[in-house]
């Protein structure tokens, strides 16, 4: 696991972060955000089993399981798993503790998915390629690997500027600082309470261009089946800020 400064990923996603991660009905938990993701993943899983890399507190896995899809998770942060356990127990959503690039869950799956930019938490290209290979290892022939990821906003940065504000609303400002040489960024989340006091949460990422993501998939035996700008199937264009990419193991091809 790559160390960022003096912190490891499992230290970043600690008990305090896990306790405040869920925002029921708002943000990434808003029905208009979460609902389409669950709808699409339910369709892609079909009558098979689903595996979520970095399952977190179960934002997607819990409603997916409630739809009748058997879901297993892989998660590095024990505090995030503890938060998930307040919603569903191990018999309904089993979780393997480990890194999504290397940990192995039992059985075979029709769907592996990674949502909300999580593959970028792996901070080297080698780890990201290993994540693809790990997904392929878990899939049956014809199975799919789905990734939701943002498009790097480097066009917003004039020469000499190293930060861009990507979100601004009352109570929350989000900005990213870039390290172009290493293809890294750090997302800074400033949240303000009613008294004006601010809390800061930072998370490191390695940003990935769609073309680089496709090459990682090809190296791991996948073919790109579909790419859209969102979960409802909006066309992906040069102006899209994010994408949902569906990769597939061709039927008849085996993986190792």
Protein backbone atom coordinates (compact mmCIF):
# COMPACT_ATOMS: atom_id res chain seq x y z
CA UNK A 1 0.00 0.00 0.00
CA UNK A 2 1.35 3.39 -1.01
CA UNK A 3 1.94 5.84 1.84
CA UNK A 4 0.71 9.42 1.33
CA UNK A 5 2.75 11.73 3.47
CA UNK A 6 2.77 9.84 6.77
CA UNK A 7 -0.68 8.29 6.30
CA UNK A 8 -1.90 5.05 4.82
CA UNK A 9 -5.29 4.73 3.10
CA UNK A 10 -6.70 2.71 5.99
CA UNK A 11 -5.73 5.56 8.33
CA UNK A 12 -7.45 8.13 6.14
CA UNK A 13 -10.74 6.20 6.22
CA UNK A 14 -10.81 6.08 10.00
CA UNK A 15 -13.54 5.83 12.62
CA UNK A 16 -14.41 9.52 12.56
CA UNK A 17 -14.70 9.59 8.76
CA UNK A 18 -16.81 6.42 8.77
CA UNK A 19 -19.14 7.84 11.40
CA UNK A 20 -19.84 10.94 9.32
CA UNK A 21 -19.66 9.37 5.86
CA UNK A 22 -23.37 8.72 5.35
CA UNK A 23 -25.56 11.69 4.42
CA UNK A 24 -29.02 10.10 4.05
CA UNK A 25 -31.09 11.76 1.34
CA UNK A 26 -28.37 14.23 0.36
CA UNK A 27 -25.12 14.35 -1.60
CA UNK A 28 -24.11 10.94 -2.94
CA UNK A 29 -27.02 9.44 -0.96
CA UNK A 30 -29.62 11.62 -2.71
CA UNK A 31 -32.27 9.50 -4.47
CA UNK A 32 -31.53 11.11 -7.83
CA UNK A 33 -27.84 10.15 -7.44
CA UNK A 34 -28.13 6.72 -5.85
CA UNK A 35 -31.29 5.44 -7.52
CA UNK A 36 -30.02 5.35 -11.14
CA UNK A 37 -26.77 3.65 -10.04
CA UNK A 38 -28.66 0.88 -8.25
CA UNK A 39 -31.07 0.50 -11.18
CA UNK A 40 -28.24 0.07 -13.70
CA UNK A 41 -26.19 -2.28 -11.53
CA UNK A 42 -29.26 -4.43 -10.88
CA UNK A 43 -29.76 -4.81 -14.63
CA UNK A 44 -26.08 -5.60 -15.22
CA UNK A 45 -25.96 -8.21 -12.46
CA UNK A 46 -28.89 -10.07 -13.98
CA UNK A 47 -29.42 -13.37 -12.18
CA UNK A 48 -25.80 -13.53 -10.99
CA UNK A 49 -23.82 -12.38 -7.97
CA UNK A 50 -22.21 -8.95 -7.56
CA UNK A 51 -18.90 -8.01 -5.94
CA UNK A 52 -18.24 -4.43 -4.84
CA UNK A 53 -14.64 -3.29 -4.54
CA UNK A 54 -14.31 -0.74 -1.69
CA UNK A 55 -17.81 -1.41 -0.43
CA UNK A 56 -17.47 1.25 2.29
CA UNK A 57 -20.58 1.74 4.43
CA UNK A 58 -22.81 0.01 1.89
CA UNK A 59 -24.21 3.09 0.14
CA UNK A 60 -24.80 1.04 -3.04
CA UNK A 61 -24.55 -2.53 -1.73
CA UNK A 62 -27.42 -2.26 0.76
CA UNK A 63 -30.10 -1.10 -1.71
CA UNK A 64 -28.71 -3.53 -4.30
CA UNK A 65 -29.09 -6.41 -1.85
CA UNK A 66 -32.59 -5.19 -1.03
CA UNK A 67 -33.37 -5.61 -4.74
CA UNK A 68 -32.49 -9.29 -4.42
CA UNK A 69 -28.96 -9.17 -5.87
CA UNK A 70 -26.51 -11.29 -3.83
CA UNK A 71 -23.70 -8.84 -2.94
CA UNK A 72 -20.24 -9.47 -1.49
CA UNK A 73 -17.75 -6.73 -0.68
CA UNK A 74 -14.04 -6.08 -0.35
CA UNK A 75 -13.06 -3.23 1.96
CA UNK A 76 -9.78 -2.05 3.49
CA UNK A 77 -11.25 0.10 6.29
CA UNK A 78 -12.62 -1.77 9.29
CA UNK A 79 -14.45 1.33 10.60
CA UNK A 80 -16.32 1.59 7.27
CA UNK A 81 -17.27 -2.09 7.58
CA UNK A 82 -18.47 -1.47 11.13
CA UNK A 83 -20.75 1.26 9.82
CA UNK A 84 -22.08 -1.12 7.15
CA UNK A 85 -22.85 -3.65 9.87
CA UNK A 86 -25.32 -1.24 11.45
CA UNK A 87 -27.41 -1.71 8.27
CA UNK A 88 -26.91 -5.35 7.24
CA UNK A 89 -25.15 -8.27 8.87
CA UNK A 90 -22.52 -10.64 7.49
CA UNK A 91 -25.08 -13.22 6.39
CA UNK A 92 -26.68 -10.75 3.96
CA UNK A 93 -23.57 -8.89 2.75
CA UNK A 94 -20.32 -10.75 3.47
CA UNK A 95 -17.18 -8.60 3.34
CA UNK A 96 -13.55 -9.59 2.86
CA UNK A 97 -11.14 -7.24 4.65
CA UNK A 98 -8.38 -6.23 2.28
CA UNK A 99 -7.10 -4.16 -0.61
CA UNK A 100 -9.28 -4.16 -3.73
CA UNK A 101 -6.18 -4.68 -5.91
CA UNK A 102 -5.22 -7.95 -4.25
CA UNK A 103 -7.89 -9.35 -1.90
CA UNK A 104 -9.86 -12.36 -3.13
CA UNK A 105 -13.52 -13.03 -2.38
CA UNK A 106 -14.87 -16.58 -2.59
CA UNK A 107 -16.91 -17.69 -5.58
CA UNK A 108 -17.56 -16.42 -9.08
CA UNK A 109 -19.48 -13.28 -10.07
CA UNK A 110 -21.38 -11.87 -13.02
CA UNK A 111 -20.61 -8.29 -11.94
CA UNK A 112 -17.76 -6.48 -10.20
CA UNK A 113 -18.21 -2.75 -9.66
CA UNK A 114 -16.28 0.27 -8.37
CA UNK A 115 -18.29 3.45 -7.84
CA UNK A 116 -17.75 7.12 -7.06
CA UNK A 117 -14.13 7.46 -8.25
CA UNK A 118 -12.80 4.82 -5.86
CA UNK A 119 -10.27 3.29 -8.26
CA UNK A 120 -8.38 6.59 -8.03
CA UNK A 121 -7.66 5.83 -4.35
CA UNK A 122 -5.02 3.44 -5.69
CA UNK A 123 -2.07 5.76 -6.10
CA UNK A 124 0.08 4.01 -8.70
CA UNK A 125 -0.63 2.81 -12.20
CA UNK A 126 0.59 -0.66 -11.23
CA UNK A 127 -1.98 -0.89 -8.42
CA UNK A 128 -4.75 0.27 -10.74
CA UNK A 129 -3.81 -2.36 -13.33
CA UNK A 130 -3.74 -4.95 -10.54
CA UNK A 131 -7.27 -3.87 -9.62
CA UNK A 132 -8.47 -4.65 -13.15
CA UNK A 133 -6.76 -8.02 -13.03
CA UNK A 134 -8.34 -8.74 -9.67
CA UNK A 135 -11.77 -7.92 -11.10
CA UNK A 136 -11.13 -10.26 -14.04
CA UNK A 137 -10.06 -12.99 -11.62
CA UNK A 138 -13.48 -12.90 -9.94
CA UNK A 139 -15.66 -12.82 -13.06
CA UNK A 140 -17.22 -15.66 -14.97
CA UNK A 141 -16.93 -15.56 -18.80
CA UNK A 142 -19.16 -12.78 -20.09
CA UNK A 143 -19.01 -11.01 -16.72
CA UNK A 144 -18.74 -7.24 -16.41
CA UNK A 145 -16.57 -4.77 -14.52
CA UNK A 146 -18.20 -1.35 -14.02
CA UNK A 147 -16.27 1.77 -13.04
CA UNK A 148 -17.68 5.21 -12.20
CA UNK A 149 -14.95 7.83 -12.49
CA UNK A 150 -14.52 11.55 -12.97
CA UNK A 151 -12.71 13.09 -15.93
CA UNK A 152 -9.63 15.10 -14.84
CA UNK A 153 -10.43 18.81 -15.07
CA UNK A 154 -7.03 19.98 -16.21
CA UNK A 155 -8.53 22.24 -18.87
CA UNK A 156 -9.65 24.52 -16.03
CA UNK A 157 -6.05 25.09 -14.94
CA UNK A 158 -4.13 27.91 -16.65
CA UNK A 159 -0.33 27.63 -16.75
CA UNK A 160 1.18 28.07 -13.28
CA UNK A 161 -2.03 27.24 -11.38
CA UNK A 162 -2.14 24.01 -9.40
CA UNK A 163 -5.62 24.01 -7.87
CA UNK A 164 -9.21 24.06 -9.11
CA UNK A 165 -12.47 24.53 -7.18
CA UNK A 166 -14.83 21.76 -8.28
CA UNK A 167 -17.69 22.31 -5.86
CA UNK A 168 -19.07 25.33 -4.03
CA UNK A 169 -22.29 25.52 -2.08
CA UNK A 170 -23.34 26.83 1.35
CA UNK A 171 -21.53 24.76 3.94
CA UNK A 172 -19.17 22.98 1.56
CA UNK A 173 -16.27 23.94 -0.68
CA UNK A 174 -14.32 21.32 -2.59
CA UNK A 175 -11.02 21.93 -4.35
CA UNK A 176 -8.33 19.74 -5.88
CA UNK A 177 -4.59 20.39 -5.90
CA UNK A 178 -2.61 18.69 -8.67
CA UNK A 179 0.79 17.07 -8.93
CA UNK A 180 1.14 16.81 -12.71
CA UNK A 181 4.43 14.93 -12.67
CA UNK A 182 3.02 11.96 -10.73
CA UNK A 183 -0.57 12.26 -12.05
CA UNK A 184 -1.72 12.79 -8.46
CA UNK A 185 -4.17 15.13 -6.80
CA UNK A 186 -5.46 15.75 -3.32
CA UNK A 187 -9.14 16.54 -2.84
CA UNK A 188 -9.81 19.04 -0.06
CA UNK A 189 -13.29 19.19 1.46
CA UNK A 190 -14.02 22.22 3.62
CA UNK A 191 -17.29 21.93 5.56
CA UNK A 192 -18.67 24.81 7.61
CA UNK A 193 -21.13 24.57 10.49
CA UNK A 194 -23.69 27.18 11.47
CA UNK A 195 -21.18 29.01 13.66
CA UNK A 196 -18.74 29.35 10.77
CA UNK A 197 -16.24 26.82 12.04
CA UNK A 198 -14.62 24.70 9.33
CA UNK A 199 -13.64 21.04 9.20
CA UNK A 200 -11.18 19.77 6.60
CA UNK A 201 -11.04 16.29 5.08
CA UNK A 202 -8.38 15.44 2.49
CA UNK A 203 -8.04 12.36 0.29
CA UNK A 204 -5.27 11.56 -2.21
CA UNK A 205 -5.97 10.19 -5.69
CA UNK A 206 -4.25 9.19 -8.91
CA UNK A 207 -6.30 10.56 -11.78
CA UNK A 208 -6.88 8.44 -14.88
CA UNK A 209 -7.86 9.47 -18.39
CA UNK A 210 -10.53 7.30 -20.08
CA UNK A 211 -8.04 6.13 -22.72
CA UNK A 212 -5.61 4.99 -20.01
CA UNK A 213 -8.43 3.18 -18.25
CA UNK A 214 -9.27 1.35 -21.49
CA UNK A 215 -5.68 0.22 -21.85
CA UNK A 216 -5.69 -1.13 -18.30
CA UNK A 217 -8.82 -3.06 -19.20
CA UNK A 218 -7.27 -4.46 -22.37
CA UNK A 219 -4.21 -5.66 -20.45
CA UNK A 220 -6.55 -7.58 -18.14
CA UNK A 221 -8.61 -9.28 -20.84
CA UNK A 222 -11.59 -6.90 -20.94
CA UNK A 223 -13.36 -5.23 -23.83
CA UNK A 224 -15.15 -1.89 -23.48
CA UNK A 225 -18.86 -2.61 -23.84
CA UNK A 226 -20.32 0.84 -23.10
CA UNK A 227 -19.41 4.28 -21.79
CA UNK A 228 -21.89 6.95 -20.78
CA UNK A 229 -21.69 10.24 -18.92
CA UNK A 230 -23.87 8.96 -16.06
CA UNK A 231 -25.91 6.03 -14.82
CA UNK A 232 -28.99 6.86 -16.90
CA UNK A 233 -27.14 6.53 -20.20
CA UNK A 234 -26.45 10.14 -21.20
CA UNK A 235 -24.04 10.33 -24.13
CA UNK A 236 -20.38 10.69 -23.15
CA UNK A 237 -18.82 13.72 -24.85
CA UNK A 238 -15.75 15.92 -24.60
CA UNK A 239 -17.69 18.08 -22.13
CA UNK A 240 -18.63 15.23 -19.77
CA UNK A 241 -17.25 15.61 -16.25
CA UNK A 242 -17.52 11.92 -15.40
CA UNK A 243 -18.26 8.56 -16.97
CA UNK A 244 -19.66 5.13 -16.21
CA UNK A 245 -17.64 2.57 -18.16
CA UNK A 246 -18.74 -1.04 -18.57
CA UNK A 247 -16.04 -3.58 -19.42
CA UNK A 248 -16.75 -7.20 -20.27
CA UNK A 249 -14.82 -10.46 -20.27
CA UNK A 250 -15.70 -11.98 -23.68
CA UNK A 251 -17.65 -15.21 -23.42
CA UNK A 252 -15.36 -18.19 -23.90
CA UNK A 253 -12.29 -16.34 -22.61
CA UNK A 254 -10.80 -17.55 -19.37
CA UNK A 255 -9.00 -15.36 -16.83
CA UNK A 256 -6.34 -16.11 -14.26
